[in-house]
């Protein structure tokens, strides 16, 4: 009930499959289990309604590893976790002119971080990919036949705004000024303060 008072929801490295169920859910009986399931369903529906209704959601790194049993979330955020690599990676700008990429000044960059590999429902047909691995500057990780390794994207979901980035695993990533400016712009986009194509 309190969610609508906020302009955006940030899923910062949320990783749990079922974070809205109590930790002892398997031990619950009867009415307690039913009440927990009802609460879980209500929270999930409120998030979908919130974003569809015109608000924003930001997913950082492990946000695609969460809610593996909730297909509507995967559809909204744009993908689920399908493996990872952990190394220094070169990143190309798929849309250099996009406002969320303004901090890069039109130039590719690199970072050492854990990079998630996307699996379905990932599709460029549904997403506006902002950045991806530059396979012209590194070996193909060999984890996607289509060689498509998106790093960040935005999308429209109902009337709402969605942003996701695979970056954000290592603590030092949060000291990287380019990453911080990119995420700040993403949050401004999600709240509706920074107009940008979706």
C-alpha atoms as a PDB file:
ATOM      1  CA  UNK A   1       0.000   0.000   0.000  1.00  0.00           C
ATOM      2  CA  UNK A   2       2.938   2.367   0.590  1.00  0.00           C
ATOM      3  CA  UNK A   3       4.643   1.731  -2.752  1.00  0.00           C
ATOM      4  CA  UNK A   4       2.724   4.376  -4.777  1.00  0.00           C
ATOM      5  CA  UNK A   5       4.198   7.206  -2.673  1.00  0.00           C
ATOM      6  CA  UNK A   6       7.600   6.557  -4.312  1.00  0.00           C
ATOM      7  CA  UNK A   7       8.609   7.536  -7.844  1.00  0.00           C
ATOM      8  CA  UNK A   8      10.843   4.513  -8.460  1.00  0.00           C
ATOM      9  CA  UNK A   9      11.766   1.145  -6.983  1.00  0.00           C
ATOM     10  CA  UNK A  10      15.437   0.072  -7.000  1.00  0.00           C
ATOM     11  CA  UNK A  11      16.218  -3.640  -6.957  1.00  0.00           C
ATOM     12  CA  UNK A  12      19.828  -3.278  -5.794  1.00  0.00           C
ATOM     13  CA  UNK A  13      21.407  -6.736  -6.003  1.00  0.00           C
ATOM     14  CA  UNK A  14      18.288  -8.463  -4.741  1.00  0.00           C
ATOM     15  CA  UNK A  15      19.078 -12.135  -5.277  1.00  0.00           C
ATOM     16  CA  UNK A  16      16.499 -14.234  -3.441  1.00  0.00           C
ATOM     17  CA  UNK A  17      14.079 -16.423  -5.372  1.00  0.00           C
ATOM     18  CA  UNK A  18      11.192 -15.627  -3.020  1.00  0.00           C
ATOM     19  CA  UNK A  19      12.114 -12.578  -0.895  1.00  0.00           C
ATOM     20  CA  UNK A  20       8.541 -11.824   0.159  1.00  0.00           C
ATOM     21  CA  UNK A  21       7.955 -15.205   1.792  1.00  0.00           C
ATOM     22  CA  UNK A  22       9.154 -15.777   5.370  1.00  0.00           C
ATOM     23  CA  UNK A  23      12.442 -17.643   5.759  1.00  0.00           C
ATOM     24  CA  UNK A  24      10.637 -20.427   7.612  1.00  0.00           C
ATOM     25  CA  UNK A  25       7.910 -20.711   4.935  1.00  0.00           C
ATOM     26  CA  UNK A  26       8.477 -24.468   4.447  1.00  0.00           C
ATOM     27  CA  UNK A  27       7.701 -25.053   8.137  1.00  0.00           C
ATOM     28  CA  UNK A  28       4.467 -23.086   8.148  1.00  0.00           C
ATOM     29  CA  UNK A  29       1.155 -24.906   8.307  1.00  0.00           C
ATOM     30  CA  UNK A  30      -2.395 -24.221   7.177  1.00  0.00           C
ATOM     31  CA  UNK A  31      -3.584 -20.662   7.644  1.00  0.00           C
ATOM     32  CA  UNK A  32      -0.073 -19.276   8.224  1.00  0.00           C
ATOM     33  CA  UNK A  33       1.157 -20.696   4.927  1.00  0.00           C
ATOM     34  CA  UNK A  34      -1.955 -19.443   3.112  1.00  0.00           C
ATOM     35  CA  UNK A  35      -1.547 -15.954   4.622  1.00  0.00           C
ATOM     36  CA  UNK A  36       2.128 -15.836   3.608  1.00  0.00           C
ATOM     37  CA  UNK A  37       1.286 -16.862   0.046  1.00  0.00           C
ATOM     38  CA  UNK A  38      -1.497 -14.273  -0.110  1.00  0.00           C
ATOM     39  CA  UNK A  39       0.867 -11.529   1.076  1.00  0.00           C
ATOM     40  CA  UNK A  40       3.545 -12.628  -1.430  1.00  0.00           C
ATOM     41  CA  UNK A  41       1.043 -12.528  -4.303  1.00  0.00           C
ATOM     42  CA  UNK A  42      -0.233  -9.100  -3.217  1.00  0.00           C
ATOM     43  CA  UNK A  43       3.265  -7.571  -3.079  1.00  0.00           C
ATOM     44  CA  UNK A  44       4.172  -8.984  -6.494  1.00  0.00           C
ATOM     45  CA  UNK A  45       0.944  -7.720  -8.047  1.00  0.00           C
ATOM     46  CA  UNK A  46       1.494  -4.300  -6.478  1.00  0.00           C
ATOM     47  CA  UNK A  47       4.947  -4.062  -8.117  1.00  0.00           C
ATOM     48  CA  UNK A  48       3.554  -4.960 -11.548  1.00  0.00           C
ATOM     49  CA  UNK A  49       0.679  -2.488 -11.144  1.00  0.00           C
ATOM     50  CA  UNK A  50       3.075   0.195  -9.880  1.00  0.00           C
ATOM     51  CA  UNK A  51       5.361  -0.002 -12.920  1.00  0.00           C
ATOM     52  CA  UNK A  52       2.581  -0.530 -15.476  1.00  0.00           C
ATOM     53  CA  UNK A  53       0.800   2.462 -13.973  1.00  0.00           C
ATOM     54  CA  UNK A  54       3.631   4.851 -14.855  1.00  0.00           C
ATOM     55  CA  UNK A  55       6.341   4.516 -12.206  1.00  0.00           C
ATOM     56  CA  UNK A  56       9.901   3.269 -12.642  1.00  0.00           C
ATOM     57  CA  UNK A  57      12.009   0.286 -11.639  1.00  0.00           C
ATOM     58  CA  UNK A  58      15.807   0.009 -11.635  1.00  0.00           C
ATOM     59  CA  UNK A  59      17.537  -3.380 -11.557  1.00  0.00           C
ATOM     60  CA  UNK A  60      21.201  -3.610 -10.579  1.00  0.00           C
ATOM     61  CA  UNK A  61      23.325  -6.729 -11.173  1.00  0.00           C
ATOM     62  CA  UNK A  62      21.704  -9.642  -9.288  1.00  0.00           C
ATOM     63  CA  UNK A  63      18.210  -8.275  -9.915  1.00  0.00           C
ATOM     64  CA  UNK A  64      17.933 -10.740 -12.819  1.00  0.00           C
ATOM     65  CA  UNK A  65      18.800 -13.643 -10.494  1.00  0.00           C
ATOM     66  CA  UNK A  66      15.851 -12.850  -8.234  1.00  0.00           C
ATOM     67  CA  UNK A  67      12.262 -14.067  -8.510  1.00  0.00           C
ATOM     68  CA  UNK A  68      13.113 -17.066 -10.686  1.00  0.00           C
ATOM     69  CA  UNK A  69       9.623 -18.466 -10.014  1.00  0.00           C
ATOM     70  CA  UNK A  70       7.827 -15.250 -11.053  1.00  0.00           C
ATOM     71  CA  UNK A  71       7.688 -15.101 -14.896  1.00  0.00           C
ATOM     72  CA  UNK A  72       5.991 -11.686 -14.972  1.00  0.00           C
ATOM     73  CA  UNK A  73       8.994 -10.176 -13.190  1.00  0.00           C
ATOM     74  CA  UNK A  74      11.407 -11.638 -15.743  1.00  0.00           C
ATOM     75  CA  UNK A  75       9.261 -10.213 -18.518  1.00  0.00           C
ATOM     76  CA  UNK A  76       9.203  -6.789 -16.841  1.00  0.00           C
ATOM     77  CA  UNK A  77      12.928  -6.554 -16.010  1.00  0.00           C
ATOM     78  CA  UNK A  78      13.855  -8.055 -19.396  1.00  0.00           C
ATOM     79  CA  UNK A  79      15.847 -11.212 -18.631  1.00  0.00           C
ATOM     80  CA  UNK A  80      16.900 -13.814 -16.098  1.00  0.00           C
ATOM     81  CA  UNK A  81      20.392 -14.828 -14.987  1.00  0.00           C
ATOM     82  CA  UNK A  82      21.962 -17.424 -17.270  1.00  0.00           C
ATOM     83  CA  UNK A  83      25.576 -17.600 -16.069  1.00  0.00           C
ATOM     84  CA  UNK A  84      28.419 -15.124 -15.647  1.00  0.00           C
ATOM     85  CA  UNK A  85      32.000 -14.169 -16.384  1.00  0.00           C
ATOM     86  CA  UNK A  86      34.254 -12.245 -14.016  1.00  0.00           C
ATOM     87  CA  UNK A  87      37.045 -10.232 -15.610  1.00  0.00           C
ATOM     88  CA  UNK A  88      38.088  -6.920 -17.126  1.00  0.00           C
ATOM     89  CA  UNK A  89      35.703  -6.308 -20.015  1.00  0.00           C
ATOM     90  CA  UNK A  90      35.553  -3.755 -22.844  1.00  0.00           C
ATOM     91  CA  UNK A  91      32.117  -2.183 -23.262  1.00  0.00           C
ATOM     92  CA  UNK A  92      30.725  -0.590 -26.409  1.00  0.00           C
ATOM     93  CA  UNK A  93      27.881   1.902 -26.515  1.00  0.00           C
ATOM     94  CA  UNK A  94      25.007   0.521 -28.559  1.00  0.00           C
ATOM     95  CA  UNK A  95      23.309   3.922 -28.352  1.00  0.00           C
ATOM     96  CA  UNK A  96      25.990   6.604 -27.795  1.00  0.00           C
ATOM     97  CA  UNK A  97      23.431   9.443 -27.982  1.00  0.00           C
ATOM     98  CA  UNK A  98      21.099   8.069 -25.300  1.00  0.00           C
ATOM     99  CA  UNK A  99      20.844  10.377 -22.242  1.00  0.00           C
ATOM    100  CA  UNK A 100      21.722   7.487 -19.894  1.00  0.00           C
ATOM    101  CA  UNK A 101      25.010   7.103 -21.802  1.00  0.00           C
ATOM    102  CA  UNK A 102      25.907  10.820 -21.748  1.00  0.00           C
ATOM    103  CA  UNK A 103      28.605  10.249 -19.107  1.00  0.00           C
ATOM    104  CA  UNK A 104      30.669   8.201 -21.566  1.00  0.00           C
ATOM    105  CA  UNK A 105      31.050  11.046 -24.071  1.00  0.00           C
ATOM    106  CA  UNK A 106      30.428   8.692 -26.978  1.00  0.00           C
ATOM    107  CA  UNK A 107      33.466   6.557 -26.115  1.00  0.00           C
ATOM    108  CA  UNK A 108      33.715   2.873 -25.234  1.00  0.00           C
ATOM    109  CA  UNK A 109      35.097   2.019 -21.799  1.00  0.00           C
ATOM    110  CA  UNK A 110      36.126  -0.943 -19.675  1.00  0.00           C
ATOM    111  CA  UNK A 111      35.595  -2.230 -16.162  1.00  0.00           C
ATOM    112  CA  UNK A 112      36.498  -5.229 -14.027  1.00  0.00           C
ATOM    113  CA  UNK A 113      33.282  -6.738 -12.685  1.00  0.00           C
ATOM    114  CA  UNK A 114      31.093  -9.819 -12.718  1.00  0.00           C
ATOM    115  CA  UNK A 115      29.045  -9.782 -15.917  1.00  0.00           C
ATOM    116  CA  UNK A 116      25.781 -11.690 -15.981  1.00  0.00           C
ATOM    117  CA  UNK A 117      24.834 -13.524 -19.148  1.00  0.00           C
ATOM    118  CA  UNK A 118      21.173 -13.051 -20.035  1.00  0.00           C
ATOM    119  CA  UNK A 119      18.736 -15.829 -20.743  1.00  0.00           C
ATOM    120  CA  UNK A 120      15.089 -15.739 -21.796  1.00  0.00           C
ATOM    121  CA  UNK A 121      12.936 -13.787 -21.805  1.00  0.00           C
ATOM    122  CA  UNK A 122      15.840 -11.584 -23.018  1.00  0.00           C
ATOM    123  CA  UNK A 123      15.237 -10.256 -26.531  1.00  0.00           C
ATOM    124  CA  UNK A 124      16.397  -7.093 -28.252  1.00  0.00           C
ATOM    125  CA  UNK A 125      12.942  -6.967 -29.803  1.00  0.00           C
ATOM    126  CA  UNK A 126      11.568  -5.952 -26.392  1.00  0.00           C
ATOM    127  CA  UNK A 127      14.492  -3.921 -25.034  1.00  0.00           C
ATOM    128  CA  UNK A 128      16.444  -0.794 -25.931  1.00  0.00           C
ATOM    129  CA  UNK A 129      20.008  -1.991 -25.294  1.00  0.00           C
ATOM    130  CA  UNK A 130      22.322   0.842 -24.225  1.00  0.00           C
ATOM    131  CA  UNK A 131      25.644  -1.006 -23.879  1.00  0.00           C
ATOM    132  CA  UNK A 132      27.074  -4.464 -24.522  1.00  0.00           C
ATOM    133  CA  UNK A 133      30.339  -6.366 -24.422  1.00  0.00           C
ATOM    134  CA  UNK A 134      32.676  -5.338 -27.232  1.00  0.00           C
ATOM    135  CA  UNK A 135      33.568  -8.681 -28.796  1.00  0.00           C
ATOM    136  CA  UNK A 136      35.876  -6.874 -31.187  1.00  0.00           C
ATOM    137  CA  UNK A 137      38.133  -6.230 -28.181  1.00  0.00           C
ATOM    138  CA  UNK A 138      37.766  -9.514 -26.266  1.00  0.00           C
ATOM    139  CA  UNK A 139      37.205 -13.225 -26.761  1.00  0.00           C
ATOM    140  CA  UNK A 140      33.616 -14.383 -27.027  1.00  0.00           C
ATOM    141  CA  UNK A 141      32.655 -15.854 -23.628  1.00  0.00           C
ATOM    142  CA  UNK A 142      30.944 -18.635 -25.591  1.00  0.00           C
ATOM    143  CA  UNK A 143      27.770 -18.503 -23.511  1.00  0.00           C
ATOM    144  CA  UNK A 144      25.295 -17.224 -26.112  1.00  0.00           C
ATOM    145  CA  UNK A 145      25.074 -18.605 -29.670  1.00  0.00           C
ATOM    146  CA  UNK A 146      23.939 -15.181 -30.906  1.00  0.00           C
ATOM    147  CA  UNK A 147      26.991 -13.501 -29.276  1.00  0.00           C
ATOM    148  CA  UNK A 148      24.683 -10.871 -27.739  1.00  0.00           C
ATOM    149  CA  UNK A 149      25.949  -9.822 -24.295  1.00  0.00           C
ATOM    150  CA  UNK A 150      23.945  -6.795 -23.178  1.00  0.00           C
ATOM    151  CA  UNK A 151      25.269  -4.752 -20.253  1.00  0.00           C
ATOM    152  CA  UNK A 152      22.481  -2.172 -19.760  1.00  0.00           C
ATOM    153  CA  UNK A 153      19.072  -1.538 -21.230  1.00  0.00           C
ATOM    154  CA  UNK A 154      15.824   0.366 -20.828  1.00  0.00           C
ATOM    155  CA  UNK A 155      12.313  -0.556 -21.797  1.00  0.00           C
ATOM    156  CA  UNK A 156       8.738   0.609 -21.530  1.00  0.00           C
ATOM    157  CA  UNK A 157       6.472  -1.585 -19.414  1.00  0.00           C
ATOM    158  CA  UNK A 158       2.866  -0.497 -19.601  1.00  0.00           C
ATOM    159  CA  UNK A 159       3.187   3.230 -18.878  1.00  0.00           C
ATOM    160  CA  UNK A 160       6.265   2.700 -16.710  1.00  0.00           C
ATOM    161  CA  UNK A 161      10.025   2.864 -17.150  1.00  0.00           C
ATOM    162  CA  UNK A 162      12.466  -0.029 -16.640  1.00  0.00           C
ATOM    163  CA  UNK A 163      16.275   0.087 -16.443  1.00  0.00           C
ATOM    164  CA  UNK A 164      18.660  -2.807 -15.828  1.00  0.00           C
ATOM    165  CA  UNK A 165      22.434  -3.127 -15.699  1.00  0.00           C
ATOM    166  CA  UNK A 166      24.448  -6.281 -15.131  1.00  0.00           C
ATOM    167  CA  UNK A 167      27.203  -4.191 -13.507  1.00  0.00           C
ATOM    168  CA  UNK A 168      27.399  -3.726  -9.756  1.00  0.00           C
ATOM    169  CA  UNK A 169      28.823  -6.910  -8.236  1.00  0.00           C
ATOM    170  CA  UNK A 170      32.158  -5.702  -6.881  1.00  0.00           C
ATOM    171  CA  UNK A 171      32.366  -3.045  -4.146  1.00  0.00           C
ATOM    172  CA  UNK A 172      34.958  -1.120  -6.194  1.00  0.00           C
ATOM    173  CA  UNK A 173      32.410  -0.766  -9.003  1.00  0.00           C
ATOM    174  CA  UNK A 174      30.537   1.659  -6.737  1.00  0.00           C
ATOM    175  CA  UNK A 175      33.616   3.907  -6.698  1.00  0.00           C
ATOM    176  CA  UNK A 176      33.778   4.023 -10.501  1.00  0.00           C
ATOM    177  CA  UNK A 177      32.596   7.514 -11.538  1.00  0.00           C
ATOM    178  CA  UNK A 178      31.313   6.368 -14.946  1.00  0.00           C
ATOM    179  CA  UNK A 179      29.221   3.590 -13.411  1.00  0.00           C
ATOM    180  CA  UNK A 180      27.859   5.975 -10.767  1.00  0.00           C
ATOM    181  CA  UNK A 181      26.900   8.602 -13.366  1.00  0.00           C
ATOM    182  CA  UNK A 182      25.243   5.927 -15.515  1.00  0.00           C
ATOM    183  CA  UNK A 183      23.183   4.615 -12.574  1.00  0.00           C
ATOM    184  CA  UNK A 184      22.316   8.130 -11.399  1.00  0.00           C
ATOM    185  CA  UNK A 185      20.980   8.928 -14.867  1.00  0.00           C
ATOM    186  CA  UNK A 186      19.074   5.613 -14.807  1.00  0.00           C
ATOM    187  CA  UNK A 187      17.421   6.492 -11.502  1.00  0.00           C
ATOM    188  CA  UNK A 188      16.546   9.955 -12.811  1.00  0.00           C
ATOM    189  CA  UNK A 189      15.050   8.269 -15.881  1.00  0.00           C
ATOM    190  CA  UNK A 190      13.085   5.807 -13.721  1.00  0.00           C
ATOM    191  CA  UNK A 191      11.650   8.592 -11.552  1.00  0.00           C
ATOM    192  CA  UNK A 192      10.598  10.509 -14.666  1.00  0.00           C
ATOM    193  CA  UNK A 193      13.049  13.385 -14.091  1.00  0.00           C
ATOM    194  CA  UNK A 194      15.238  12.581 -17.136  1.00  0.00           C
ATOM    195  CA  UNK A 195      13.332  12.130 -20.406  1.00  0.00           C
ATOM    196  CA  UNK A 196      14.895   9.394 -22.533  1.00  0.00           C
ATOM    197  CA  UNK A 197      13.892   6.979 -25.315  1.00  0.00           C
ATOM    198  CA  UNK A 198      12.722   3.572 -24.115  1.00  0.00           C
END
